[in-house]
Amino acid sequence: DLFLNPETATEITLQPVKRFKTSAAIIFSDILMVPYGLGQELS
């Protein structure tokens, strides 16, 4: 629900940037989005 809601994923991605002023944001997602995208059941 977090990974697949763009508004929520964006908000979470930006949280450490706002707090720590990091030089980069890395998108809040997961490497297992790849098998999910291929149709493998993920939980």
PDB file of all heavy atoms in Angstrom:
ATOM      1  N   ASP A   1       0.832  -1.212   0.000  1.00  0.00           N
ATOM      2  CA  ASP A   1       0.000   0.000   0.000  1.00  0.00           C
ATOM      3  C   ASP A   1       0.865   1.261   0.000  1.00  0.00           C
ATOM      4  O   ASP A   1       0.460   2.302  -0.527  1.00  0.00           O
ATOM      5  CB  ASP A   1      -0.920   0.025   1.223  1.00  0.00           C
ATOM      6  CG  ASP A   1      -2.011  -1.037   1.147  1.00  0.00           C
ATOM      7  OD1 ASP A   1      -2.331  -1.462   0.026  1.00  0.00           O
ATOM      8  OD2 ASP A   1      -2.523  -1.436   2.202  1.00  0.00           O
ATOM      9  N   LEU A   2       2.042   1.157   0.597  1.00  0.00           N
ATOM     10  CA  LEU A   2       2.956   2.299   0.618  1.00  0.00           C
ATOM     11  C   LEU A   2       3.677   2.446  -0.716  1.00  0.00           C
ATOM     12  O   LEU A   2       3.779   3.543  -1.262  1.00  0.00           O
ATOM     13  CB  LEU A   2       3.987   2.128   1.740  1.00  0.00           C
ATOM     14  CG  LEU A   2       3.454   2.000   3.166  1.00  0.00           C
ATOM     15  CD1 LEU A   2       4.610   1.822   4.143  1.00  0.00           C
ATOM     16  CD2 LEU A   2       2.636   3.232   3.565  1.00  0.00           C
ATOM     17  N   PHE A   3       4.197   1.330  -1.244  1.00  0.00           N
ATOM     18  CA  PHE A   3       4.959   1.376  -2.485  1.00  0.00           C
ATOM     19  C   PHE A   3       4.095   1.769  -3.677  1.00  0.00           C
ATOM     20  O   PHE A   3       4.589   2.412  -4.611  1.00  0.00           O
ATOM     21  CB  PHE A   3       5.594   0.011  -2.771  1.00  0.00           C
ATOM     22  CG  PHE A   3       6.599  -0.433  -1.743  1.00  0.00           C
ATOM     23  CD1 PHE A   3       6.659  -1.759  -1.344  1.00  0.00           C
ATOM     24  CD2 PHE A   3       7.488   0.466  -1.170  1.00  0.00           C
ATOM     25  CE1 PHE A   3       7.583  -2.192  -0.401  1.00  0.00           C
ATOM     26  CE2 PHE A   3       8.414   0.054  -0.225  1.00  0.00           C
ATOM     27  CZ  PHE A   3       8.458  -1.276   0.162  1.00  0.00           C
ATOM     28  N   LEU A   4       2.825   1.369  -3.662  1.00  0.00           N
ATOM     29  CA  LEU A   4       1.978   1.537  -4.839  1.00  0.00           C
ATOM     30  C   LEU A   4       1.014   2.709  -4.738  1.00  0.00           C
ATOM     31  O   LEU A   4       0.069   2.816  -5.516  1.00  0.00           O
ATOM     32  CB  LEU A   4       1.217   0.239  -5.115  1.00  0.00           C
ATOM     33  CG  LEU A   4       2.113  -0.968  -5.443  1.00  0.00           C
ATOM     34  CD1 LEU A   4       1.293  -2.236  -5.576  1.00  0.00           C
ATOM     35  CD2 LEU A   4       2.925  -0.709  -6.702  1.00  0.00           C
ATOM     36  N   ASN A   5       1.248   3.596  -3.782  1.00  0.00           N
ATOM     37  CA  ASN A   5       0.494   4.843  -3.695  1.00  0.00           C
ATOM     38  C   ASN A   5       1.474   5.982  -3.989  1.00  0.00           C
ATOM     39  O   ASN A   5       2.330   6.293  -3.154  1.00  0.00           O
ATOM     40  CB  ASN A   5      -0.111   5.007  -2.294  1.00  0.00           C
ATOM     41  CG  ASN A   5      -0.962   6.258  -2.180  1.00  0.00           C
ATOM     42  OD1 ASN A   5      -0.509   7.354  -2.492  1.00  0.00           O
ATOM     43  ND2 ASN A   5      -2.192   6.102  -1.726  1.00  0.00           N
ATOM     44  N   PRO A   6       1.408   6.591  -5.163  1.00  0.00           N
ATOM     45  CA  PRO A   6       2.403   7.598  -5.544  1.00  0.00           C
ATOM     46  C   PRO A   6       2.532   8.754  -4.557  1.00  0.00           C
ATOM     47  O   PRO A   6       3.640   9.214  -4.270  1.00  0.00           O
ATOM     48  CB  PRO A   6       1.891   8.092  -6.906  1.00  0.00           C
ATOM     49  CG  PRO A   6       1.098   6.961  -7.439  1.00  0.00           C
ATOM     50  CD  PRO A   6       0.442   6.325  -6.245  1.00  0.00           C
ATOM     51  N   GLU A   7       1.396   9.232  -4.047  1.00  0.00           N
ATOM     52  CA  GLU A   7       1.438  10.349  -3.097  1.00  0.00           C
ATOM     53  C   GLU A   7       2.158   9.943  -1.813  1.00  0.00           C
ATOM     54  O   GLU A   7       2.995  10.696  -1.292  1.00  0.00           O
ATOM     55  CB  GLU A   7       0.022  10.822  -2.771  1.00  0.00           C
ATOM     56  CG  GLU A   7      -0.702  11.522  -3.907  1.00  0.00           C
ATOM     57  CD  GLU A   7      -1.252  10.566  -4.960  1.00  0.00           C
ATOM     58  OE1 GLU A   7      -1.320   9.342  -4.685  1.00  0.00           O
ATOM     59  OE2 GLU A   7      -1.581  11.033  -6.064  1.00  0.00           O
ATOM     60  N   THR A   8       1.843   8.754  -1.311  1.00  0.00           N
ATOM     61  CA  THR A   8       2.462   8.278  -0.077  1.00  0.00           C
ATOM     62  C   THR A   8       3.941   7.994  -0.290  1.00  0.00           C
ATOM     63  O   THR A   8       4.785   8.375   0.536  1.00  0.00           O
ATOM     64  CB  THR A   8       1.757   6.999   0.416  1.00  0.00           C
ATOM     65  OG1 THR A   8       0.383   7.282   0.630  1.00  0.00           O
ATOM     66  CG2 THR A   8       2.374   6.512   1.719  1.00  0.00           C
ATOM     67  N   ALA A   9       4.278   7.317  -1.386  1.00  0.00           N
ATOM     68  CA  ALA A   9       5.680   6.996  -1.675  1.00  0.00           C
ATOM     69  C   ALA A   9       6.504   8.269  -1.833  1.00  0.00           C
ATOM     70  O   ALA A   9       7.655   8.347  -1.370  1.00  0.00           O
ATOM     71  CB  ALA A   9       5.779   6.137  -2.928  1.00  0.00           C
ATOM     72  N   THR A  10       5.912   9.277  -2.451  1.00  0.00           N
ATOM     73  CA  THR A  10       6.601  10.567  -2.604  1.00  0.00           C
ATOM     74  C   THR A  10       6.851  11.213  -1.247  1.00  0.00           C
ATOM     75  O   THR A  10       7.963  11.685  -0.961  1.00  0.00           O
ATOM     76  CB  THR A  10       5.761  11.513  -3.483  1.00  0.00           C
ATOM     77  OG1 THR A  10       5.652  10.954  -4.794  1.00  0.00           O
ATOM     78  CG2 THR A  10       6.391  12.894  -3.567  1.00  0.00           C
ATOM     79  N   GLU A  11       5.833  11.234  -0.412  1.00  0.00           N
ATOM     80  CA  GLU A  11       5.979  11.828   0.919  1.00  0.00           C
ATOM     81  C   GLU A  11       7.076  11.139   1.717  1.00  0.00           C
ATOM     82  O   GLU A  11       7.911  11.796   2.351  1.00  0.00           O
ATOM     83  CB  GLU A  11       4.651  11.740   1.675  1.00  0.00           C
ATOM     84  CG  GLU A  11       4.687  12.397   3.053  1.00  0.00           C
ATOM     85  CD  GLU A  11       3.357  12.321   3.781  1.00  0.00           C
ATOM     86  OE1 GLU A  11       2.365  11.852   3.178  1.00  0.00           O
ATOM     87  OE2 GLU A  11       3.312  12.728   4.959  1.00  0.00           O
ATOM     88  N   ILE A  12       7.092   9.805   1.678  1.00  0.00           N
ATOM     89  CA  ILE A  12       8.107   9.052   2.435  1.00  0.00           C
ATOM     90  C   ILE A  12       9.501   9.291   1.854  1.00  0.00           C
ATOM     91  O   ILE A  12      10.486   9.436   2.596  1.00  0.00           O
ATOM     92  CB  ILE A  12       7.757   7.554   2.441  1.00  0.00           C
ATOM     93  CG1 ILE A  12       6.466   7.331   3.232  1.00  0.00           C
ATOM     94  CG2 ILE A  12       8.892   6.732   3.051  1.00  0.00           C
ATOM     95  CD1 ILE A  12       5.913   5.920   3.124  1.00  0.00           C
ATOM     96  N   THR A  13       9.602   9.354   0.533  1.00  0.00           N
ATOM     97  CA  THR A  13      10.891   9.618  -0.118  1.00  0.00           C
ATOM     98  C   THR A  13      11.479  10.946   0.338  1.00  0.00           C
ATOM     99  O   THR A  13      12.690  11.078   0.551  1.00  0.00           O
ATOM    100  CB  THR A  13      10.716   9.640  -1.652  1.00  0.00           C
ATOM    101  OG1 THR A  13      10.249   8.362  -2.090  1.00  0.00           O
ATOM    102  CG2 THR A  13      12.028   9.955  -2.350  1.00  0.00           C
ATOM    103  N   LEU A  14      10.607  11.934   0.506  1.00  0.00           N
ATOM    104  CA  LEU A  14      11.069  13.287   0.840  1.00  0.00           C
ATOM    105  C   LEU A  14      11.376  13.478   2.328  1.00  0.00           C
ATOM    106  O   LEU A  14      12.060  14.443   2.700  1.00  0.00           O
ATOM    107  CB  LEU A  14      10.019  14.305   0.405  1.00  0.00           C
ATOM    108  CG  LEU A  14       9.786  14.430  -1.114  1.00  0.00           C
ATOM    109  CD1 LEU A  14       8.587  15.323  -1.388  1.00  0.00           C
ATOM    110  CD2 LEU A  14      11.027  14.968  -1.801  1.00  0.00           C
ATOM    111  N   GLN A  15      10.893  12.592   3.187  1.00  0.00           N
ATOM    112  CA  GLN A  15      11.071  12.774   4.636  1.00  0.00           C
ATOM    113  C   GLN A  15      12.533  12.926   5.060  1.00  0.00           C
ATOM    114  O   GLN A  15      12.876  13.880   5.775  1.00  0.00           O
ATOM    115  CB  GLN A  15      10.399  11.631   5.392  1.00  0.00           C
ATOM    116  CG  GLN A  15       8.882  11.742   5.415  1.00  0.00           C
ATOM    117  CD  GLN A  15       8.208  10.542   6.060  1.00  0.00           C
ATOM    118  OE1 GLN A  15       8.811   9.510   6.284  1.00  0.00           O
ATOM    119  NE2 GLN A  15       6.913  10.684   6.356  1.00  0.00           N
ATOM    120  N   PRO A  16      13.436  12.028   4.669  1.00  0.00           N
ATOM    121  CA  PRO A  16      14.831  12.197   5.097  1.00  0.00           C
ATOM    122  C   PRO A  16      15.525  13.380   4.443  1.00  0.00           C
ATOM    123  O   PRO A  16      16.451  13.959   5.017  1.00  0.00           O
ATOM    124  CB  PRO A  16      15.495  10.872   4.687  1.00  0.00           C
ATOM    125  CG  PRO A  16      14.641  10.362   3.577  1.00  0.00           C
ATOM    126  CD  PRO A  16      13.246  10.790   3.896  1.00  0.00           C
ATOM    127  N   VAL A  17      15.074  13.749   3.239  1.00  0.00           N
ATOM    128  CA  VAL A  17      15.648  14.914   2.568  1.00  0.00           C
ATOM    129  C   VAL A  17      15.329  16.168   3.369  1.00  0.00           C
ATOM    130  O   VAL A  17      16.196  17.035   3.599  1.00  0.00           O
ATOM    131  CB  VAL A  17      15.108  15.036   1.125  1.00  0.00           C
ATOM    132  CG1 VAL A  17      15.672  16.283   0.449  1.00  0.00           C
ATOM    133  CG2 VAL A  17      15.450  13.792   0.314  1.00  0.00           C
ATOM    134  N   LYS A  18      14.087  16.274   3.820  1.00  0.00           N
ATOM    135  CA  LYS A  18      13.677  17.439   4.614  1.00  0.00           C
ATOM    136  C   LYS A  18      14.383  17.462   5.970  1.00  0.00           C
ATOM    137  O   LYS A  18      14.795  18.516   6.450  1.00  0.00           O
ATOM    138  CB  LYS A  18      12.165  17.412   4.819  1.00  0.00           C
ATOM    139  CG  LYS A  18      11.360  17.639   3.547  1.00  0.00           C
ATOM    140  CD  LYS A  18       9.864  17.473   3.793  1.00  0.00           C
ATOM    141  CE  LYS A  18       9.060  17.691   2.520  1.00  0.00           C
ATOM    142  NZ  LYS A  18       7.600  17.466   2.730  1.00  0.00           N
ATOM    143  N   ARG A  19      14.514  16.298   6.579  1.00  0.00           N
ATOM    144  CA  ARG A  19      15.075  16.241   7.928  1.00  0.00           C
ATOM    145  C   ARG A  19      16.598  16.405   7.925  1.00  0.00           C
ATOM    146  O   ARG A  19      17.164  17.126   8.762  1.00  0.00           O
ATOM    147  CB  ARG A  19      14.710  14.912   8.596  1.00  0.00           C
ATOM    148  CG  ARG A  19      15.186  14.812  10.041  1.00  0.00           C
ATOM    149  CD  ARG A  19      14.900  13.437  10.618  1.00  0.00           C
ATOM    150  NE  ARG A  19      13.561  13.306  11.164  1.00  0.00           N
ATOM    151  CZ  ARG A  19      13.244  13.550  12.436  1.00  0.00           C
ATOM    152  NH1 ARG A  19      14.165  14.014  13.272  1.00  0.00           N
ATOM    153  NH2 ARG A  19      12.007  13.360  12.862  1.00  0.00           N
ATOM    154  N   PHE A  20      17.290  15.725   6.976  1.00  0.00           N
ATOM    155  CA  PHE A  20      18.751  15.663   7.024  1.00  0.00           C
ATOM    156  C   PHE A  20      19.446  16.454   5.925  1.00  0.00           C
ATOM    157  O   PHE A  20      20.672  16.515   5.885  1.00  0.00           O
ATOM    158  CB  PHE A  20      19.205  14.200   6.930  1.00  0.00           C
ATOM    159  CG  PHE A  20      18.622  13.302   7.974  1.00  0.00           C
ATOM    160  CD1 PHE A  20      17.851  12.209   7.607  1.00  0.00           C
ATOM    161  CD2 PHE A  20      18.836  13.547   9.329  1.00  0.00           C
ATOM    162  CE1 PHE A  20      17.311  11.361   8.567  1.00  0.00           C
ATOM    163  CE2 PHE A  20      18.301  12.710  10.293  1.00  0.00           C
ATOM    164  CZ  PHE A  20      17.532  11.617   9.919  1.00  0.00           C
ATOM    165  N   LYS A  21      18.679  17.042   5.008  1.00  0.00           N
ATOM    166  CA  LYS A  21      19.259  17.799   3.891  1.00  0.00           C
ATOM    167  C   LYS A  21      20.250  16.947   3.100  1.00  0.00           C
ATOM    168  O   LYS A  21      21.352  17.386   2.751  1.00  0.00           O
ATOM    169  CB  LYS A  21      19.951  19.075   4.393  1.00  0.00           C
ATOM    170  CG  LYS A  21      19.085  19.960   5.260  1.00  0.00           C
ATOM    171  CD  LYS A  21      17.919  20.513   4.463  1.00  0.00           C
ATOM    172  CE  LYS A  21      17.115  21.506   5.294  1.00  0.00           C
ATOM    173  NZ  LYS A  21      15.759  21.157   5.550  1.00  0.00           N
ATOM    174  N   THR A  22      19.873  15.709   2.808  1.00  0.00           N
ATOM    175  CA  THR A  22      20.732  14.828   2.050  1.00  0.00           C
ATOM    176  C   THR A  22      20.947  15.362   0.635  1.00  0.00           C
ATOM    177  O   THR A  22      20.123  16.115   0.115  1.00  0.00           O
ATOM    178  CB  THR A  22      20.131  13.412   1.962  1.00  0.00           C
ATOM    179  OG1 THR A  22      18.795  13.513   1.450  1.00  0.00           O
ATOM    180  CG2 THR A  22      20.106  12.740   3.326  1.00  0.00           C
ATOM    181  N   SER A  23      22.042  14.947   0.012  1.00  0.00           N
ATOM    182  CA  SER A  23      22.362  15.414  -1.339  1.00  0.00           C
ATOM    183  C   SER A  23      21.500  14.746  -2.392  1.00  0.00           C
ATOM    184  O   SER A  23      21.471  15.185  -3.543  1.00  0.00           O
ATOM    185  CB  SER A  23      23.838  15.143  -1.648  1.00  0.00           C
ATOM    186  OG  SER A  23      24.675  15.689  -0.647  1.00  0.00           O
ATOM    187  N   ALA A  24      20.835  13.653  -2.001  1.00  0.00           N
ATOM    188  CA  ALA A  24      19.975  12.937  -2.949  1.00  0.00           C
ATOM    189  C   ALA A  24      18.811  12.292  -2.217  1.00  0.00           C
ATOM    190  O   ALA A  24      18.903  11.951  -1.036  1.00  0.00           O
ATOM    191  CB  ALA A  24      20.774  11.864  -3.696  1.00  0.00           C
ATOM    192  N   ALA A  25      17.738  12.125  -2.964  1.00  0.00           N
ATOM    193  CA  ALA A  25      16.611  11.306  -2.524  1.00  0.00           C
ATOM    194  C   ALA A  25      16.691  10.008  -3.304  1.00  0.00           C
ATOM    195  O   ALA A  25      17.105   9.998  -4.463  1.00  0.00           O
ATOM    196  CB  ALA A  25      15.291  12.014  -2.833  1.00  0.00           C
ATOM    197  N   ILE A  26      16.323   8.905  -2.687  1.00  0.00           N
ATOM    198  CA  ILE A  26      16.185   7.648  -3.412  1.00  0.00           C
ATOM    199  C   ILE A  26      14.731   7.222  -3.272  1.00  0.00           C
ATOM    200  O   ILE A  26      14.176   7.241  -2.165  1.00  0.00           O
ATOM    201  CB  ILE A  26      17.154   6.559  -2.916  1.00  0.00           C
ATOM    202  CG1 ILE A  26      17.018   5.297  -3.788  1.00  0.00           C
ATOM    203  CG2 ILE A  26      16.975   6.265  -1.437  1.00  0.00           C
ATOM    204  CD1 ILE A  26      18.156   4.295  -3.619  1.00  0.00           C
ATOM    205  N   ILE A  27      14.130   6.891  -4.377  1.00  0.00           N
ATOM    206  CA  ILE A  27      12.695   6.654  -4.370  1.00  0.00           C
ATOM    207  C   ILE A  27      12.320   5.543  -3.393  1.00  0.00           C
ATOM    208  O   ILE A  27      12.990   4.517  -3.307  1.00  0.00           O
ATOM    209  CB  ILE A  27      12.177   6.332  -5.802  1.00  0.00           C
ATOM    210  CG1 ILE A  27      10.679   6.458  -5.888  1.00  0.00           C
ATOM    211  CG2 ILE A  27      12.678   4.988  -6.279  1.00  0.00           C
ATOM    212  CD1 ILE A  27      10.145   7.859  -5.672  1.00  0.00           C
ATOM    213  N   PHE A  28      11.255   5.759  -2.641  1.00  0.00           N
ATOM    214  CA  PHE A  28      10.795   4.759  -1.682  1.00  0.00           C
ATOM    215  C   PHE A  28      10.066   3.660  -2.442  1.00  0.00           C
ATOM    216  O   PHE A  28       8.938   3.826  -2.900  1.00  0.00           O
ATOM    217  CB  PHE A  28       9.866   5.393  -0.645  1.00  0.00           C
ATOM    218  CG  PHE A  28       9.376   4.424   0.400  1.00  0.00           C
ATOM    219  CD1 PHE A  28      10.228   3.962   1.383  1.00  0.00           C
ATOM    220  CD2 PHE A  28       8.070   3.964   0.377  1.00  0.00           C
ATOM    221  CE1 PHE A  28       9.787   3.065   2.349  1.00  0.00           C
ATOM    222  CE2 PHE A  28       7.606   3.063   1.326  1.00  0.00           C
ATOM    223  CZ  PHE A  28       8.473   2.609   2.313  1.00  0.00           C
ATOM    224  N   SER A  29      10.754   2.552  -2.606  1.00  0.00           N
ATOM    225  CA  SER A  29      10.210   1.424  -3.347  1.00  0.00           C
ATOM    226  C   SER A  29      10.907   0.171  -2.834  1.00  0.00           C
ATOM    227  O   SER A  29      11.416   0.165  -1.716  1.00  0.00           O
ATOM    228  CB  SER A  29      10.430   1.625  -4.856  1.00  0.00           C
ATOM    229  OG  SER A  29       9.785   0.613  -5.600  1.00  0.00           O
ATOM    230  N   ASP A  30      10.947  -0.888  -3.627  1.00  0.00           N
ATOM    231  CA  ASP A  30      11.559  -2.139  -3.188  1.00  0.00           C
ATOM    232  C   ASP A  30      12.063  -2.895  -4.405  1.00  0.00           C
ATOM    233  O   ASP A  30      11.460  -2.803  -5.484  1.00  0.00           O
ATOM    234  CB  ASP A  30      10.530  -2.987  -2.436  1.00  0.00           C
ATOM    235  CG  ASP A  30      11.180  -4.117  -1.648  1.00  0.00           C
ATOM    236  OD1 ASP A  30      11.459  -5.167  -2.241  1.00  0.00           O
ATOM    237  OD2 ASP A  30      11.408  -3.943  -0.442  1.00  0.00           O
ATOM    238  N   ILE A  31      13.153  -3.648  -4.242  1.00  0.00           N
ATOM    239  CA  ILE A  31      13.668  -4.415  -5.373  1.00  0.00           C
ATOM    240  C   ILE A  31      12.657  -5.466  -5.836  1.00  0.00           C
ATOM    241  O   ILE A  31      12.676  -5.887  -6.991  1.00  0.00           O
ATOM    242  CB  ILE A  31      15.028  -5.075  -5.065  1.00  0.00           C
ATOM    243  CG1 ILE A  31      14.906  -6.130  -3.960  1.00  0.00           C
ATOM    244  CG2 ILE A  31      16.087  -4.040  -4.742  1.00  0.00           C
ATOM    245  CD1 ILE A  31      16.178  -6.973  -3.786  1.00  0.00           C
ATOM    246  N   LEU A  32      11.750  -5.866  -4.938  1.00  0.00           N
ATOM    247  CA  LEU A  32      10.777  -6.900  -5.291  1.00  0.00           C
ATOM    248  C   LEU A  32       9.606  -6.365  -6.104  1.00  0.00           C
ATOM    249  O   LEU A  32       8.694  -7.118  -6.460  1.00  0.00           O
ATOM    250  CB  LEU A  32      10.284  -7.616  -4.039  1.00  0.00           C
ATOM    251  CG  LEU A  32      11.380  -8.361  -3.260  1.00  0.00           C
ATOM    252  CD1 LEU A  32      10.790  -9.131  -2.093  1.00  0.00           C
ATOM    253  CD2 LEU A  32      12.174  -9.301  -4.168  1.00  0.00           C
ATOM    254  N   MET A  33       9.643  -5.094  -6.438  1.00  0.00           N
ATOM    255  CA  MET A  33       8.678  -4.585  -7.410  1.00  0.00           C
ATOM    256  C   MET A  33       8.887  -5.228  -8.777  1.00  0.00           C
ATOM    257  O   MET A  33       7.955  -5.302  -9.581  1.00  0.00           O
ATOM    258  CB  MET A  33       8.801  -3.052  -7.535  1.00  0.00           C
ATOM    259  CG  MET A  33       8.310  -2.267  -6.323  1.00  0.00           C
ATOM    260  SD  MET A  33       6.523  -2.442  -6.026  1.00  0.00           S
ATOM    261  CE  MET A  33       6.522  -3.722  -4.786  1.00  0.00           C
ATOM    262  N   VAL A  34      10.093  -5.708  -9.034  1.00  0.00           N
ATOM    263  CA  VAL A  34      10.355  -6.369 -10.325  1.00  0.00           C
ATOM    264  C   VAL A  34       9.585  -7.686 -10.446  1.00  0.00           C
ATOM    265  O   VAL A  34       8.827  -7.866 -11.402  1.00  0.00           O
ATOM    266  CB  VAL A  34      11.869  -6.567 -10.550  1.00  0.00           C
ATOM    267  CG1 VAL A  34      12.123  -7.518 -11.715  1.00  0.00           C
ATOM    268  CG2 VAL A  34      12.537  -5.227 -10.819  1.00  0.00           C
ATOM    269  N   PRO A  35       9.737  -8.638  -9.498  1.00  0.00           N
ATOM    270  CA  PRO A  35       8.908  -9.847  -9.612  1.00  0.00           C
ATOM    271  C   PRO A  35       7.410  -9.558  -9.522  1.00  0.00           C
ATOM    272  O   PRO A  35       6.599 -10.220 -10.177  1.00  0.00           O
ATOM    273  CB  PRO A  35       9.376 -10.737  -8.454  1.00  0.00           C
ATOM    274  CG  PRO A  35      10.179  -9.875  -7.572  1.00  0.00           C
ATOM    275  CD  PRO A  35      10.727  -8.783  -8.430  1.00  0.00           C
ATOM    276  N   TYR A  36       7.038  -8.546  -8.739  1.00  0.00           N
ATOM    277  CA  TYR A  36       5.624  -8.141  -8.680  1.00  0.00           C
ATOM    278  C   TYR A  36       5.149  -7.713 -10.065  1.00  0.00           C
ATOM    279  O   TYR A  36       4.057  -8.086 -10.515  1.00  0.00           O
ATOM    280  CB  TYR A  36       5.457  -7.004  -7.677  1.00  0.00           C
ATOM    281  CG  TYR A  36       4.071  -6.392  -7.665  1.00  0.00           C
ATOM    282  CD1 TYR A  36       3.027  -6.998  -6.983  1.00  0.00           C
ATOM    283  CD2 TYR A  36       3.821  -5.205  -8.359  1.00  0.00           C
ATOM    284  CE1 TYR A  36       1.748  -6.448  -6.982  1.00  0.00           C
ATOM    285  CE2 TYR A  36       2.549  -4.644  -8.363  1.00  0.00           C
ATOM    286  CZ  TYR A  36       1.519  -5.259  -7.677  1.00  0.00           C
ATOM    287  OH  TYR A  36       0.265  -4.715  -7.693  1.00  0.00           O
ATOM    288  N   GLY A  37       5.966  -6.935 -10.756  1.00  0.00           N
ATOM    289  CA  GLY A  37       5.613  -6.483 -12.097  1.00  0.00           C
ATOM    290  C   GLY A  37       5.518  -7.619 -13.101  1.00  0.00           C
ATOM    291  O   GLY A  37       4.799  -7.520 -14.100  1.00  0.00           O
ATOM    292  N   LEU A  38       6.232  -8.710 -12.819  1.00  0.00           N
ATOM    293  CA  LEU A  38       6.178  -9.887 -13.687  1.00  0.00           C
ATOM    294  C   LEU A  38       4.990 -10.790 -13.375  1.00  0.00           C
ATOM    295  O   LEU A  38       4.765 -11.788 -14.050  1.00  0.00           O
ATOM    296  CB  LEU A  38       7.474 -10.686 -13.564  1.00  0.00           C
ATOM    297  CG  LEU A  38       8.719 -10.047 -14.195  1.00  0.00           C
ATOM    298  CD1 LEU A  38       9.960 -10.841 -13.810  1.00  0.00           C
ATOM    299  CD2 LEU A  38       8.583  -9.970 -15.706  1.00  0.00           C
ATOM    300  N   GLY A  39       4.267 -10.449 -12.310  1.00  0.00           N
ATOM    301  CA  GLY A  39       3.082 -11.222 -11.966  1.00  0.00           C
ATOM    302  C   GLY A  39       3.277 -12.228 -10.851  1.00  0.00           C
ATOM    303  O   GLY A  39       2.365 -13.017 -10.563  1.00  0.00           O
ATOM    304  N   GLN A  40       4.440 -12.200 -10.198  1.00  0.00           N
ATOM    305  CA  GLN A  40       4.651 -13.113  -9.076  1.00  0.00           C
ATOM    306  C   GLN A  40       3.982 -12.539  -7.827  1.00  0.00           C
ATOM    307  O   GLN A  40       4.185 -11.367  -7.485  1.00  0.00           O
ATOM    308  CB  GLN A  40       6.144 -13.328  -8.822  1.00  0.00           C
ATOM    309  CG  GLN A  40       6.436 -14.419  -7.804  1.00  0.00           C
ATOM    310  CD  GLN A  40       7.926 -14.740  -7.695  1.00  0.00           C
ATOM    311  OE1 GLN A  40       8.761 -14.029  -8.243  1.00  0.00           O
ATOM    312  NE2 GLN A  40       8.256 -15.803  -6.987  1.00  0.00           N
ATOM    313  N   GLU A  41       3.208 -13.360  -7.151  1.00  0.00           N
ATOM    314  CA  GLU A  41       2.465 -12.893  -5.976  1.00  0.00           C
ATOM    315  C   GLU A  41       3.427 -12.471  -4.868  1.00  0.00           C
ATOM    316  O   GLU A  41       4.330 -13.215  -4.492  1.00  0.00           O
ATOM    317  CB  GLU A  41       1.550 -14.010  -5.483  1.00  0.00           C
ATOM    318  CG  GLU A  41       0.572 -13.575  -4.402  1.00  0.00           C
ATOM    319  CD  GLU A  41      -0.373 -14.704  -4.016  1.00  0.00           C
ATOM    320  OE1 GLU A  41      -0.937 -15.342  -4.932  1.00  0.00           O
ATOM    321  OE2 GLU A  41      -0.538 -14.945  -2.809  1.00  0.00           O
ATOM    322  N   LEU A  42       3.237 -11.264  -4.332  1.00  0.00           N
ATOM    323  CA  LEU A  42       4.136 -10.684  -3.334  1.00  0.00           C
ATOM    324  C   LEU A  42       3.343 -10.198  -2.130  1.00  0.00           C
ATOM    325  O   LEU A  42       2.294  -9.577  -2.264  1.00  0.00           O
ATOM    326  CB  LEU A  42       4.896  -9.496  -3.946  1.00  0.00           C
ATOM    327  CG  LEU A  42       5.725  -8.614  -3.016  1.00  0.00           C
ATOM    328  CD1 LEU A  42       6.886  -9.389  -2.396  1.00  0.00           C
ATOM    329  CD2 LEU A  42       6.246  -7.394  -3.786  1.00  0.00           C
ATOM    330  N   SER A  43       3.853 -10.483  -0.940  1.00  0.00           N
ATOM    331  CA  SER A  43       3.251  -9.971   0.295  1.00  0.00           C
ATOM    332  C   SER A  43       4.358  -9.668   1.287  1.00  0.00           C
ATOM    333  O   SER A  43       5.498 -10.121   1.142  1.00  0.00           O
ATOM    334  CB  SER A  43       2.275 -10.993   0.897  1.00  0.00           C
ATOM    335  OG  SER A  43       2.949 -12.204   1.206  1.00  0.00           O
TER     336      SER A  43
END
